[in-house]
Protein backbone atom coordinates (compact mmCIF):
# COMPACT_ATOMS: atom_id res chain seq x y z
CA MET A 1 27.69 3.35 9.37
CA ASN A 2 25.33 1.93 6.72
CA GLN A 3 22.25 3.66 5.31
CA LYS A 4 19.77 1.62 7.38
CA THR A 5 21.54 2.58 10.61
CA ILE A 6 21.48 6.25 9.66
CA LEU A 7 17.78 6.03 8.81
CA GLY A 8 17.00 4.53 12.18
CA LEU A 9 18.92 7.18 14.09
CA LEU A 10 17.45 10.08 12.20
CA GLY A 11 13.94 8.61 12.21
CA ALA A 12 14.01 8.19 15.96
CA VAL A 13 14.36 11.92 16.45
CA GLY A 14 12.01 12.85 13.61
CA VAL A 15 14.63 14.46 11.36
CA SER A 16 13.69 14.73 7.69
CA LEU A 17 15.64 12.07 5.84
CA VAL A 18 15.56 13.80 2.50
CA ALA A 19 18.18 16.19 3.82
CA VAL A 20 20.64 13.33 4.09
CA PHE A 21 20.09 11.51 0.80
CA GLY A 22 19.53 13.09 -2.59
CA CYS A 23 16.37 12.34 -4.50
CA SER A 24 18.29 9.99 -6.76
CA GLU A 25 19.15 7.86 -3.74
CA LEU A 26 15.62 7.37 -2.40
CA PRO A 27 15.17 3.64 -1.80
CA THR A 28 13.36 1.71 -4.51
CA GLY A 29 14.38 -1.86 -3.74
CA PRO A 30 12.25 -4.47 -1.95
CA ALA A 31 11.47 -3.90 1.70
CA ASP A 32 13.13 -6.22 4.18
CA SER A 33 10.22 -8.22 5.59
CA ASN A 34 10.51 -11.70 4.13
CA ARG A 35 11.58 -13.19 7.49
CA MET A 36 8.31 -12.27 9.21
CA PRO A 37 6.41 -15.34 10.46
CA VAL A 38 3.05 -13.87 9.38
CA LYS A 39 2.73 -12.51 5.86
CA GLY A 40 -1.01 -12.17 5.63
CA ILE A 41 -3.89 -10.77 3.61
CA THR A 42 -7.45 -10.20 4.81
CA LEU A 43 -9.85 -11.55 2.19
CA VAL A 44 -13.08 -9.62 2.65
CA ASP A 45 -16.64 -10.46 1.74
CA TRP A 46 -19.98 -9.26 3.03
CA THR A 47 -22.32 -11.85 1.51
CA SER A 48 -23.52 -15.23 2.71
CA ASN A 49 -21.76 -17.35 0.10
CA GLY A 50 -19.14 -15.07 -1.46
CA TYR A 51 -16.22 -16.94 0.06
CA GLU A 52 -17.03 -20.15 -1.81
CA THR A 53 -17.57 -18.76 -5.32
CA PRO A 54 -15.15 -19.72 -8.10
CA GLU A 55 -13.88 -16.12 -8.20
CA SER A 56 -13.14 -16.17 -4.47
CA LEU A 57 -11.25 -19.45 -4.75
CA THR A 58 -9.20 -17.87 -7.54
CA GLN A 59 -8.37 -14.92 -5.31
CA ILE A 60 -7.18 -17.26 -2.55
CA ASN A 61 -4.82 -18.87 -5.03
CA ASP A 62 -3.54 -15.48 -6.17
CA ILE A 63 -2.87 -14.46 -2.56
CA SER A 64 -0.77 -17.59 -2.13
CA LEU A 65 1.17 -16.93 -5.34
CA LEU A 66 1.89 -13.39 -4.11
CA GLY A 67 3.99 -14.89 -1.31
CA ALA A 68 1.55 -14.67 1.59
CA ASN A 69 1.53 -17.52 4.08
CA MET A 70 -1.70 -16.65 5.93
CA VAL A 71 -5.18 -15.46 5.03
CA THR A 72 -7.89 -13.99 7.27
CA PHE A 73 -11.61 -14.51 6.66
CA ILE A 74 -13.96 -12.04 8.33
CA VAL A 75 -17.37 -12.97 9.73
CA THR A 76 -19.59 -9.91 10.07
CA VAL A 77 -22.76 -9.64 12.15
CA TYR A 78 -24.83 -6.50 12.55
CA GLN A 79 -26.12 -4.28 15.35
CA SER A 80 -28.67 -1.47 15.03
CA ASP A 81 -26.70 1.12 17.03
CA SER A 82 -23.95 1.39 19.60
CA ARG A 83 -26.31 1.17 22.58
CA ALA A 84 -28.29 -1.85 21.42
CA SER A 85 -28.06 -4.96 23.58
CA GLU A 86 -28.43 -7.42 20.72
CA PHE A 87 -26.86 -8.05 17.34
CA ARG A 88 -27.95 -10.32 14.52
CA VAL A 89 -26.73 -12.63 11.81
CA ASP A 90 -27.86 -11.20 8.46
CA PRO A 91 -28.84 -14.08 6.14
CA ASP A 92 -27.71 -12.10 3.11
CA LYS A 93 -24.53 -10.46 4.46
CA THR A 94 -23.06 -12.79 7.11
CA PRO A 95 -20.85 -15.55 5.65
CA THR A 96 -22.07 -19.07 6.32
CA GLN A 97 -19.82 -21.65 7.91
CA THR A 98 -20.22 -23.76 4.78
CA ALA A 99 -18.86 -20.96 2.60
CA ILE A 100 -15.89 -20.36 4.88
CA ALA A 101 -15.25 -24.10 5.19
CA ASN A 102 -14.91 -24.34 1.41
CA ALA A 103 -12.54 -21.36 1.41
CA ILE A 104 -10.43 -22.95 4.16
CA VAL A 105 -10.17 -26.22 2.25
CA ARG A 106 -9.02 -24.25 -0.79
CA ALA A 107 -6.44 -22.28 1.18
CA LYS A 108 -4.92 -25.38 2.73
CA SER A 109 -4.83 -27.44 -0.47
CA LEU A 110 -2.73 -25.10 -2.61
CA SER A 111 0.81 -25.80 -3.80
CA PHE A 112 1.84 -23.05 -1.37
CA PRO A 113 -0.75 -23.63 1.38
CA LEU A 114 -2.07 -20.79 3.47
CA GLU A 115 -2.67 -20.92 7.18
CA VAL A 116 -5.98 -19.39 8.25
CA SER A 117 -7.33 -16.88 10.75
CA ILE A 118 -11.04 -16.30 11.41
CA LYS A 119 -11.89 -12.78 12.52
CA PRO A 120 -15.43 -11.86 13.65
CA HIS A 121 -16.65 -8.27 13.22
CA ILE A 122 -19.72 -6.39 14.46
CA ASP A 123 -20.82 -3.61 12.10
CA LEU A 124 -23.35 -0.94 13.06
CA ASP A 125 -26.29 -0.26 10.77
CA ASN A 126 -25.88 3.50 11.09
CA GLY A 127 -22.25 3.38 9.95
CA ASP A 128 -20.73 4.34 13.30
CA TRP A 129 -17.51 2.74 14.48
CA ARG A 130 -17.79 -0.56 16.34
CA GLY A 131 -15.44 0.81 18.98
CA ASP A 132 -18.35 2.90 20.27
CA ILE A 133 -20.45 -0.17 21.12
CA SER A 134 -21.54 0.10 24.78
CA PRO A 135 -24.75 -1.92 25.23
CA ARG A 136 -27.46 -0.78 27.61
CA ASP A 137 -27.68 -4.33 28.96
CA PRO A 138 -24.09 -5.64 29.04
CA ALA A 139 -25.07 -8.98 30.57
CA HIS A 140 -27.49 -9.78 27.77
CA TRP A 141 -25.10 -8.56 25.07
CA PHE A 142 -22.20 -10.61 26.42
CA ASP A 143 -24.37 -13.72 26.74
CA GLN A 144 -25.22 -13.44 23.06
CA TYR A 145 -21.66 -12.57 22.12
CA LYS A 146 -20.25 -15.54 24.00
CA ALA A 147 -22.63 -17.94 22.25
CA PHE A 148 -21.73 -16.46 18.86
CA ILE A 149 -17.97 -16.52 19.43
CA VAL A 150 -17.85 -20.00 20.97
CA ASP A 151 -19.84 -21.40 18.05
CA TRP A 152 -17.32 -20.01 15.57
CA ALA A 153 -14.39 -21.11 17.74
CA ARG A 154 -15.78 -24.64 17.72
CA PHE A 155 -16.01 -24.42 13.94
CA ALA A 156 -12.42 -23.14 13.77
CA GLU A 157 -11.24 -26.11 15.82
CA ALA A 158 -13.06 -28.57 13.58
CA MET A 159 -11.48 -26.97 10.49
CA ARG A 160 -8.00 -26.88 12.10
CA VAL A 161 -7.78 -23.12 11.78
CA GLU A 162 -4.48 -21.82 13.12
CA GLN A 163 -5.68 -18.48 14.56
CA PHE A 164 -8.94 -17.21 15.98
CA VAL A 165 -9.82 -13.62 16.89
CA VAL A 166 -12.12 -13.35 19.92
CA GLY A 167 -13.06 -9.73 19.22
CA THR A 168 -12.33 -6.78 16.98
CA GLU A 169 -12.12 -3.13 18.07
CA LEU A 170 -14.71 -3.37 20.86
CA ALA A 171 -13.15 -0.62 22.96
CA GLY A 172 -16.48 0.43 24.46
CA THR A 173 -16.84 -2.94 26.20
CA LEU A 174 -13.38 -3.15 27.81
CA GLU A 175 -14.70 -1.98 31.18
CA HIS A 176 -16.41 -5.39 31.47
CA GLU A 177 -13.13 -7.22 32.00
CA SER A 178 -14.61 -10.16 33.89
CA ARG A 179 -17.10 -10.81 31.09
CA TRP A 180 -14.32 -10.76 28.53
CA CYS A 181 -12.35 -13.22 30.63
CA ASP A 182 -15.41 -15.50 30.66
CA VAL A 183 -15.61 -15.30 26.86
CA ILE A 184 -11.92 -16.11 26.47
CA ARG A 185 -12.12 -19.00 28.94
CA ASP A 186 -15.08 -20.56 27.12
CA VAL A 187 -13.36 -20.17 23.75
CA ARG A 188 -10.26 -21.87 25.18
CA SER A 189 -12.43 -24.81 26.20
CA VAL A 190 -13.34 -25.57 22.56
CA TYR A 191 -10.42 -24.15 20.56
CA SER A 192 -6.75 -25.16 20.80
CA GLY A 193 -5.20 -22.77 18.28
CA GLU A 194 -3.70 -19.33 18.71
CA LEU A 195 -6.07 -16.84 20.35
CA ILE A 196 -5.96 -13.11 19.55
CA TYR A 197 -7.91 -9.92 20.20
CA ALA A 198 -7.70 -7.27 17.44
CA ALA A 199 -7.56 -3.87 19.12
CA SER A 200 -7.64 -0.54 17.39
CA TRP A 201 -4.25 1.18 17.38
CA ASP A 202 -5.40 3.70 19.99
CA GLU A 203 -7.32 1.10 22.04
CA ALA A 204 -4.50 -1.44 22.38
CA PRO A 205 -2.76 0.05 25.48
CA LEU A 206 -6.08 -0.06 27.37
CA VAL A 207 -6.92 -3.74 26.87
CA PRO A 208 -6.86 -5.39 30.32
CA PHE A 209 -6.88 -9.04 29.27
CA TRP A 210 -3.76 -9.36 27.11
CA PRO A 211 -2.24 -11.93 29.53
CA ASP A 212 -5.16 -14.27 28.77
CA LEU A 213 -4.33 -14.31 25.05
CA ASP A 214 -1.44 -15.66 22.98
CA VAL A 215 -0.66 -12.61 20.86
CA VAL A 216 -1.43 -8.88 21.03
CA GLY A 217 -3.41 -7.91 17.94
CA VAL A 218 -3.32 -4.31 16.72
CA ASN A 219 -5.35 -2.87 13.84
CA PHE A 220 -2.75 -0.31 12.85
CA TYR A 221 -4.16 2.77 11.11
CA ALA A 222 -1.97 5.35 12.81
CA PRO A 223 -0.86 8.35 10.73
CA VAL A 224 2.71 8.10 9.48
CA SER A 225 2.71 11.31 7.46
CA LYS A 226 1.87 14.97 8.16
CA ARG A 227 1.70 16.31 4.63
CA LEU A 228 0.34 15.49 1.20
CA GLN A 229 3.65 15.51 -0.64
CA THR A 230 5.96 12.93 0.90
CA ASN A 231 8.51 10.25 0.03
CA ARG A 232 9.63 6.87 1.30
CA LEU A 233 12.22 8.14 3.73
CA ASP A 234 9.79 10.59 5.31
CA LEU A 235 7.29 7.78 5.72
CA LEU A 236 9.94 5.57 7.29
CA ALA A 237 10.74 8.37 9.73
CA GLY A 238 7.03 8.66 10.48
CA TRP A 239 7.03 5.05 11.64
CA GLN A 240 9.71 5.50 14.29
CA PRO A 241 7.62 6.90 17.19
CA TRP A 242 4.95 4.28 16.56
CA LEU A 243 7.53 1.51 16.68
CA SER A 244 8.57 2.76 20.10
CA ARG A 245 4.97 2.63 21.29
CA ILE A 246 4.40 -0.83 19.84
CA ARG A 247 7.54 -2.12 21.52
CA LEU A 248 6.40 -0.65 24.85
CA LEU A 249 3.06 -2.44 24.41
CA HIS A 250 4.94 -5.67 23.69
CA LYS A 251 6.97 -5.33 26.89
CA LYS A 252 3.94 -4.41 29.00
CA ALA A 253 1.77 -7.26 27.70
CA GLY A 254 4.58 -9.82 27.55
CA ARG A 255 3.34 -10.95 24.14
CA GLU A 256 4.43 -10.60 20.52
CA ILE A 257 2.60 -8.01 18.43
CA LEU A 258 0.61 -8.98 15.35
CA LEU A 259 -0.75 -6.21 13.15
CA THR A 260 -4.15 -7.80 12.61
CA GLU A 261 -5.01 -5.06 10.14
CA ILE A 262 -2.89 -2.54 8.30
CA GLY A 263 -3.81 -0.77 5.10
CA TYR A 264 -3.72 2.37 3.03
CA ARG A 265 -6.04 3.64 0.35
CA SER A 266 -4.63 4.50 -3.06
CA VAL A 267 -5.27 8.23 -2.62
CA ASP A 268 -3.27 11.38 -2.10
CA GLY A 269 -2.63 11.85 1.63
CA ALA A 270 -3.38 8.25 2.59
CA GLY A 271 -0.56 8.22 5.12
CA MET A 272 -2.14 11.13 7.00
CA HIS A 273 -5.52 9.46 7.47
CA PRO A 274 -5.12 5.66 7.09
CA TYR A 275 -8.33 5.01 9.03
CA ASP A 276 -10.54 7.31 6.92
CA PHE A 277 -12.29 5.24 4.28
CA ARG A 278 -14.73 8.02 3.32
CA ARG A 279 -12.37 10.96 2.62
CA GLN A 280 -12.57 12.37 -0.90
CA ALA A 281 -9.14 12.55 -2.50
CA SER A 282 -7.46 12.06 -5.85
CA VAL A 283 -6.10 8.70 -6.91
CA ASP A 284 -2.44 8.17 -5.97
CA PHE A 285 -1.18 4.66 -6.58
CA GLN A 286 2.42 5.58 -5.88
CA GLU A 287 1.71 6.91 -2.40
CA GLN A 288 -0.05 3.67 -1.53
CA ALA A 289 2.96 1.71 -2.79
CA ASP A 290 5.35 3.92 -0.81
CA LEU A 291 3.29 3.39 2.34
CA TYR A 292 3.42 -0.38 1.82
CA TRP A 293 7.19 -0.21 1.41
CA ALA A 294 7.62 1.89 4.55
CA ALA A 295 5.47 -0.42 6.67
CA LEU A 296 7.26 -3.53 5.47
CA GLU A 297 10.69 -1.95 5.89
CA ALA A 298 9.96 -0.46 9.32
CA THR A 299 8.67 -3.71 10.82
CA GLY A 300 10.65 -6.33 8.92
CA ASP A 301 13.56 -6.64 11.36
CA LYS A 302 11.62 -6.30 14.62
CA PRO A 303 11.54 -9.70 16.38
CA TRP A 304 8.70 -8.55 18.64
CA ILE A 305 6.42 -7.94 15.66
CA ARG A 306 5.05 -11.27 14.43
CA GLY A 307 3.87 -9.86 11.12
CA MET A 308 0.79 -8.30 9.57
CA TYR A 309 -2.46 -8.84 7.72
CA TRP A 310 -2.99 -6.33 4.93
CA TRP A 311 -6.44 -4.81 4.61
CA ASN A 312 -7.81 -5.75 2.18
CA TRP A 313 -8.39 -8.03 -0.81
CA PHE A 314 -11.90 -8.52 -2.19
CA ALA A 315 -13.16 -12.08 -2.52
CA ASN A 316 -15.00 -11.13 -5.71
CA GLY A 317 -11.81 -9.74 -7.27
CA SER A 318 -13.03 -6.15 -7.44
CA GLY A 319 -11.33 -2.92 -6.47
CA THR A 320 -8.84 -2.44 -9.30
CA ASP A 321 -8.29 0.04 -12.16
CA LEU A 322 -8.81 3.60 -10.84
CA SER A 323 -10.28 2.59 -7.50
CA THR A 324 -9.36 4.57 -4.39
CA ASP A 325 -10.01 1.77 -1.90
CA TYR A 326 -7.57 -0.17 0.25
CA THR A 327 -6.90 -3.19 -1.93
CA PRO A 328 -3.41 -3.45 -3.46
CA ARG A 329 -4.63 -5.82 -6.17
CA ARG A 330 -3.32 -4.86 -9.60
CA LYS A 331 -1.78 -1.69 -8.22
CA PRO A 332 1.91 -0.84 -7.60
CA ALA A 333 1.39 -1.76 -3.93
CA GLU A 334 0.87 -5.37 -4.99
CA ARG A 335 4.36 -5.37 -6.49
CA GLU A 336 5.77 -4.19 -3.16
CA LEU A 337 4.28 -7.27 -1.50
CA ASP A 338 5.43 -9.54 -4.31
CA ASP A 339 9.00 -8.24 -4.00
CA ALA A 340 9.11 -8.25 -0.20
CA TRP A 341 7.51 -11.68 0.13
CA GLU A 342 9.65 -13.41 -2.46
CA ARG A 343 9.66 -17.14 -1.76
């Protein structure tokens, strides 16, 4: 029985793997994920023209050289609070279609071209989670949302974008299934590419309209560790129960799973609270790298997982040195991607 088989058996029952292998035998080689169809990075920007700056175009090239084959661009609009029945395009913070068009042209013209996904977000002014959005007037909100999404879907079709996300983490609106089906139907009428909804990891089993989409999208920020001091084998064991749940979701929905977001901050304890972007903690580049390795290794041989988009990479090239944010750029986690995604 080889080491990978032993890891799988022990991980499935939650046994600590350090007891089996000495510290000198902890895995350090590249994770096995190069066969994944989607090896993606989410390039983030919250300005009107940041995606078309020279620095952003450089970052797109660097993402390609890293071994990625897809890039996601986010389009963020803003809502005053979770109960509001309207949202707005912010002229200073919402990317323009011109800016994203220039980024798409860049991505597709590289020596190693990148396929593209467009992923709309709604952020709340008060900092609350978008999953709490539950408008007082659902009909009005959905009318506005449909117009917004269809406009961007039409743009995606014109730019030959391969994937389009019809919604991101809008758990509070799932009870309006018929309205979501209307949105999806209207998007289908103008867009011929792959259609996805990006559900939060705890929202995904509740989404009623998976059969209307091509792929099940999951923003995966589930905890894979229960303690501050951990190692790669413990993290791999921490993935096992989540893999079982993801596979069950795949079977129930009858669709492949795409991790539309996955990421870890470069801080101590990042594997315990992947979703917490505000928590104060000390810098820990190695834990971030270990979490990248575990995620790539755990999912790399699962045919029902299409791949993943790592959150995140800043279009302006920031987030390096001693930063505690999610980006892997110029951190040991970047080397994990470079090794795993070797061309």
